[in-house]
Amino acid sequence: MSSNSLPGACGQPAGPSPRNRPPGSLRFPLAPSKVDGDPAGYARLRGERPVCPVVLPGGQHAWLVTRYADARLVLSDARFSKAALTWPDSPRIHPARLPPGLLLTTDPPEHTVLREPLARRMTPKEMARHRPRVVAAAAEVLDRFTMGPPHG
């Protein structure tokens, strides 16, 4: 079965066609039953359309990058601004705008000023020191989650 035969798969159009939408755009977030959580679906996207046009819930157009090397390129290339995520007309998955001044919403040199103190503290040795406490906390949350809601 080709990816074009699956509704919502990479080859399928994403709903009604605005005139200026790139051909073959997908609705994003991707339908859980079609690709999300489906390793074969993501593998298909990586192989057939590693950079794929998408339409976000608000109707804005964006690009989905599915390969690690491409994602690293986008995240490290100065032509792609993280600060632009705070602009009023920036594409977003939900209506809330991201605040400026966060690691996720700054470009160098501001990003570097925020990142350097964290990078010094987030060494593999330092993270290993916190691992037992993080594993215990995660196990507790998972235990509560699998027990279901409290009775009463």
C-alpha atoms as a PDB file:
ATOM      1  CA  MET A   1       0.000   0.000   0.000  1.00  0.00           C
ATOM      2  CA  SER A   2       1.507   3.354  -0.968  1.00  0.00           C
ATOM      3  CA  SER A   3       1.488   6.353   1.349  1.00  0.00           C
ATOM      4  CA  ASN A   4      -0.792   8.071  -1.162  1.00  0.00           C
ATOM      5  CA  SER A   5      -3.563   5.586  -0.399  1.00  0.00           C
ATOM      6  CA  LEU A   6      -3.704   6.468   3.315  1.00  0.00           C
ATOM      7  CA  PRO A   7      -5.876   9.476   4.231  1.00  0.00           C
ATOM      8  CA  GLY A   8      -3.676  12.045   5.949  1.00  0.00           C
ATOM      9  CA  ALA A   9      -0.486  10.312   4.817  1.00  0.00           C
ATOM     10  CA  CYS A  10       2.227  12.307   3.157  1.00  0.00           C
ATOM     11  CA  GLY A  11       0.844  12.034  -0.350  1.00  0.00           C
ATOM     12  CA  GLN A  12      -2.703  13.084   0.582  1.00  0.00           C
ATOM     13  CA  PRO A  13      -3.859  16.702   0.382  1.00  0.00           C
ATOM     14  CA  ALA A  14      -4.754  18.367   3.682  1.00  0.00           C
ATOM     15  CA  GLY A  15      -8.432  19.262   3.456  1.00  0.00           C
ATOM     16  CA  PRO A  16      -9.937  22.089   1.391  1.00  0.00           C
ATOM     17  CA  SER A  17      -7.373  23.593  -0.916  1.00  0.00           C
ATOM     18  CA  PRO A  18      -6.522  27.267  -0.360  1.00  0.00           C
ATOM     19  CA  ARG A  19      -5.117  28.772  -3.549  1.00  0.00           C
ATOM     20  CA  ASN A  20      -1.722  29.524  -2.055  1.00  0.00           C
ATOM     21  CA  ARG A  21      -1.138  26.241  -0.199  1.00  0.00           C
ATOM     22  CA  PRO A  22       1.807  24.190  -1.474  1.00  0.00           C
ATOM     23  CA  PRO A  23       0.613  21.076  -3.316  1.00  0.00           C
ATOM     24  CA  GLY A  24       0.535  17.922  -1.206  1.00  0.00           C
ATOM     25  CA  SER A  25       0.399  19.747   2.141  1.00  0.00           C
ATOM     26  CA  LEU A  26      -0.550  17.701   5.193  1.00  0.00           C
ATOM     27  CA  ARG A  27      -2.689  18.791   8.107  1.00  0.00           C
ATOM     28  CA  PHE A  28      -0.532  19.198  11.202  1.00  0.00           C
ATOM     29  CA  PRO A  29      -0.533  17.861  13.831  1.00  0.00           C
ATOM     30  CA  LEU A  30      -0.659  14.605  11.916  1.00  0.00           C
ATOM     31  CA  ALA A  31      -3.621  12.326  12.576  1.00  0.00           C
ATOM     32  CA  PRO A  32      -2.666   9.889  15.360  1.00  0.00           C
ATOM     33  CA  SER A  33      -4.164   6.949  13.511  1.00  0.00           C
ATOM     34  CA  LYS A  34      -2.186   7.701  10.346  1.00  0.00           C
ATOM     35  CA  VAL A  35       1.382   8.613  11.278  1.00  0.00           C
ATOM     36  CA  ASP A  36       1.807   9.849  14.856  1.00  0.00           C
ATOM     37  CA  GLY A  37       3.146   7.033  16.994  1.00  0.00           C
ATOM     38  CA  ASP A  38       3.561   4.893  13.893  1.00  0.00           C
ATOM     39  CA  PRO A  39       7.283   4.346  13.291  1.00  0.00           C
ATOM     40  CA  ALA A  40       6.567   3.025   9.792  1.00  0.00           C
ATOM     41  CA  GLY A  41       4.591   6.188   8.998  1.00  0.00           C
ATOM     42  CA  TYR A  42       7.435   8.436  10.076  1.00  0.00           C
ATOM     43  CA  ALA A  43       9.914   6.240   8.218  1.00  0.00           C
ATOM     44  CA  ARG A  44       7.773   6.684   5.118  1.00  0.00           C
ATOM     45  CA  LEU A  45       7.809  10.476   5.574  1.00  0.00           C
ATOM     46  CA  ARG A  46      11.585  10.495   6.116  1.00  0.00           C
ATOM     47  CA  GLY A  47      12.111   8.402   2.991  1.00  0.00           C
ATOM     48  CA  GLU A  48       9.563   9.915   0.617  1.00  0.00           C
ATOM     49  CA  ARG A  49       9.185  13.530   1.755  1.00  0.00           C
ATOM     50  CA  PRO A  50      11.713  14.446   4.439  1.00  0.00           C
ATOM     51  CA  VAL A  51      10.746  18.125   4.182  1.00  0.00           C
ATOM     52  CA  CYS A  52       6.985  18.277   3.753  1.00  0.00           C
ATOM     53  CA  PRO A  53       4.624  21.282   3.568  1.00  0.00           C
ATOM     54  CA  VAL A  54       1.964  21.326   6.296  1.00  0.00           C
ATOM     55  CA  VAL A  55      -1.068  23.399   7.193  1.00  0.00           C
ATOM     56  CA  LEU A  56      -1.368  24.244  10.902  1.00  0.00           C
ATOM     57  CA  PRO A  57      -4.706  24.365  12.779  1.00  0.00           C
ATOM     58  CA  GLY A  58      -4.937  28.144  12.306  1.00  0.00           C
ATOM     59  CA  GLY A  59      -4.499  27.790   8.542  1.00  0.00           C
ATOM     60  CA  GLN A  60      -0.876  28.969   8.460  1.00  0.00           C
ATOM     61  CA  HIS A  61       1.611  27.148   6.284  1.00  0.00           C
ATOM     62  CA  ALA A  62       4.792  25.608   7.635  1.00  0.00           C
ATOM     63  CA  TRP A  63       7.296  22.867   6.825  1.00  0.00           C
ATOM     64  CA  LEU A  64       7.674  19.562   8.657  1.00  0.00           C
ATOM     65  CA  VAL A  65      11.279  18.357   8.805  1.00  0.00           C
ATOM     66  CA  THR A  66      11.533  14.647   9.653  1.00  0.00           C
ATOM     67  CA  ARG A  67      15.213  13.720   9.284  1.00  0.00           C
ATOM     68  CA  TYR A  68      17.678  14.343  12.099  1.00  0.00           C
ATOM     69  CA  ALA A  69      20.335  15.922   9.868  1.00  0.00           C
ATOM     70  CA  ASP A  70      17.785  18.281   8.317  1.00  0.00           C
ATOM     71  CA  ALA A  71      16.428  19.252  11.751  1.00  0.00           C
ATOM     72  CA  ARG A  72      19.960  20.008  12.977  1.00  0.00           C
ATOM     73  CA  LEU A  73      20.538  22.142   9.894  1.00  0.00           C
ATOM     74  CA  VAL A  74      17.362  24.149  10.470  1.00  0.00           C
ATOM     75  CA  LEU A  75      18.072  24.594  14.181  1.00  0.00           C
ATOM     76  CA  SER A  76      21.652  25.764  13.597  1.00  0.00           C
ATOM     77  CA  ASP A  77      21.244  27.867  10.436  1.00  0.00           C
ATOM     78  CA  ALA A  78      21.000  31.609  11.136  1.00  0.00           C
ATOM     79  CA  ARG A  79      18.544  31.982   8.235  1.00  0.00           C
ATOM     80  CA  PHE A  80      15.935  30.244  10.416  1.00  0.00           C
ATOM     81  CA  SER A  81      15.016  32.490  13.345  1.00  0.00           C
ATOM     82  CA  LYS A  82      13.696  31.152  16.635  1.00  0.00           C
ATOM     83  CA  ALA A  83      12.899  34.716  17.707  1.00  0.00           C
ATOM     84  CA  ALA A  84      10.390  34.847  14.837  1.00  0.00           C
ATOM     85  CA  LEU A  85       8.237  32.413  16.835  1.00  0.00           C
ATOM     86  CA  THR A  86       7.164  35.400  18.971  1.00  0.00           C
ATOM     87  CA  TRP A  87       5.922  37.500  16.047  1.00  0.00           C
ATOM     88  CA  PRO A  88       2.143  38.033  15.939  1.00  0.00           C
ATOM     89  CA  ASP A  89       1.758  36.368  12.515  1.00  0.00           C
ATOM     90  CA  SER A  90       4.186  33.496  13.061  1.00  0.00           C
ATOM     91  CA  PRO A  91       2.816  30.008  12.331  1.00  0.00           C
ATOM     92  CA  ARG A  92       1.826  28.122  15.466  1.00  0.00           C
ATOM     93  CA  ILE A  93       0.053  24.925  16.456  1.00  0.00           C
ATOM     94  CA  HIS A  94      -2.069  26.636  19.128  1.00  0.00           C
ATOM     95  CA  PRO A  95      -3.328  30.226  19.362  1.00  0.00           C
ATOM     96  CA  ALA A  96      -1.099  31.319  22.264  1.00  0.00           C
ATOM     97  CA  ARG A  97       2.001  33.268  21.280  1.00  0.00           C
ATOM     98  CA  LEU A  98       5.314  32.188  22.751  1.00  0.00           C
ATOM     99  CA  PRO A  99       6.923  34.800  25.004  1.00  0.00           C
ATOM    100  CA  PRO A 100      10.232  36.361  23.965  1.00  0.00           C
ATOM    101  CA  GLY A 101      13.410  35.769  25.941  1.00  0.00           C
ATOM    102  CA  LEU A 102      13.235  31.969  26.271  1.00  0.00           C
ATOM    103  CA  LEU A 103      15.817  29.501  24.981  1.00  0.00           C
ATOM    104  CA  LEU A 104      13.224  28.435  22.412  1.00  0.00           C
ATOM    105  CA  THR A 105      12.503  31.985  21.265  1.00  0.00           C
ATOM    106  CA  THR A 106      15.902  33.661  21.024  1.00  0.00           C
ATOM    107  CA  ASP A 107      18.631  33.782  18.412  1.00  0.00           C
ATOM    108  CA  PRO A 108      22.347  34.346  19.030  1.00  0.00           C
ATOM    109  CA  PRO A 109      23.800  36.251  20.732  1.00  0.00           C
ATOM    110  CA  GLU A 110      20.892  36.363  23.252  1.00  0.00           C
ATOM    111  CA  HIS A 111      20.415  32.593  22.973  1.00  0.00           C
ATOM    112  CA  THR A 112      24.096  32.024  23.714  1.00  0.00           C
ATOM    113  CA  VAL A 113      23.924  34.167  26.862  1.00  0.00           C
ATOM    114  CA  LEU A 114      20.986  32.071  28.126  1.00  0.00           C
ATOM    115  CA  ARG A 115      22.420  28.720  27.056  1.00  0.00           C
ATOM    116  CA  GLU A 116      26.011  28.924  28.350  1.00  0.00           C
ATOM    117  CA  PRO A 117      25.237  28.794  32.100  1.00  0.00           C
ATOM    118  CA  LEU A 118      22.898  25.857  31.537  1.00  0.00           C
ATOM    119  CA  ALA A 119      25.339  23.984  29.313  1.00  0.00           C
ATOM    120  CA  ARG A 120      28.018  24.186  32.001  1.00  0.00           C
ATOM    121  CA  ARG A 121      25.653  22.522  34.503  1.00  0.00           C
ATOM    122  CA  MET A 122      24.099  19.938  32.163  1.00  0.00           C
ATOM    123  CA  THR A 123      27.125  17.734  31.651  1.00  0.00           C
ATOM    124  CA  PRO A 124      26.703  13.951  31.326  1.00  0.00           C
ATOM    125  CA  LYS A 125      28.271  13.533  34.795  1.00  0.00           C
ATOM    126  CA  GLU A 126      25.855  16.039  36.352  1.00  0.00           C
ATOM    127  CA  MET A 127      22.846  14.451  34.654  1.00  0.00           C
ATOM    128  CA  ALA A 128      23.934  10.968  35.831  1.00  0.00           C
ATOM    129  CA  ARG A 129      23.986  12.308  39.396  1.00  0.00           C
ATOM    130  CA  HIS A 130      20.272  13.236  39.090  1.00  0.00           C
ATOM    131  CA  ARG A 131      19.216  10.044  37.305  1.00  0.00           C
ATOM    132  CA  PRO A 132      18.084   8.014  40.374  1.00  0.00           C
ATOM    133  CA  ARG A 133      15.795  10.813  41.559  1.00  0.00           C
ATOM    134  CA  VAL A 134      14.357  11.383  38.057  1.00  0.00           C
ATOM    135  CA  VAL A 135      13.767   7.649  37.509  1.00  0.00           C
ATOM    136  CA  ALA A 136      12.001   7.365  40.883  1.00  0.00           C
ATOM    137  CA  ALA A 137       9.790  10.387  40.154  1.00  0.00           C
ATOM    138  CA  ALA A 138       8.895   9.049  36.695  1.00  0.00           C
ATOM    139  CA  ALA A 139       8.073   5.616  38.130  1.00  0.00           C
ATOM    140  CA  GLU A 140       5.793   7.210  40.737  1.00  0.00           C
ATOM    141  CA  VAL A 141       3.927   9.196  38.072  1.00  0.00           C
ATOM    142  CA  LEU A 142       3.569   6.115  35.866  1.00  0.00           C
ATOM    143  CA  ASP A 143       2.320   4.043  38.810  1.00  0.00           C
ATOM    144  CA  ARG A 144      -0.362   6.649  39.577  1.00  0.00           C
ATOM    145  CA  PHE A 145      -1.278   6.870  35.910  1.00  0.00           C
ATOM    146  CA  THR A 146      -1.721   3.105  35.503  1.00  0.00           C
ATOM    147  CA  MET A 147      -3.850   2.864  38.673  1.00  0.00           C
ATOM    148  CA  GLY A 148      -6.439   5.192  37.173  1.00  0.00           C
ATOM    149  CA  PRO A 149      -8.371   7.929  38.932  1.00  0.00           C
ATOM    150  CA  PRO A 150      -8.673   7.769  42.727  1.00  0.00           C
ATOM    151  CA  HIS A 151     -11.828   6.039  44.014  1.00  0.00           C
ATOM    152  CA  GLY A 152     -14.052   7.937  46.338  1.00  0.00           C
END
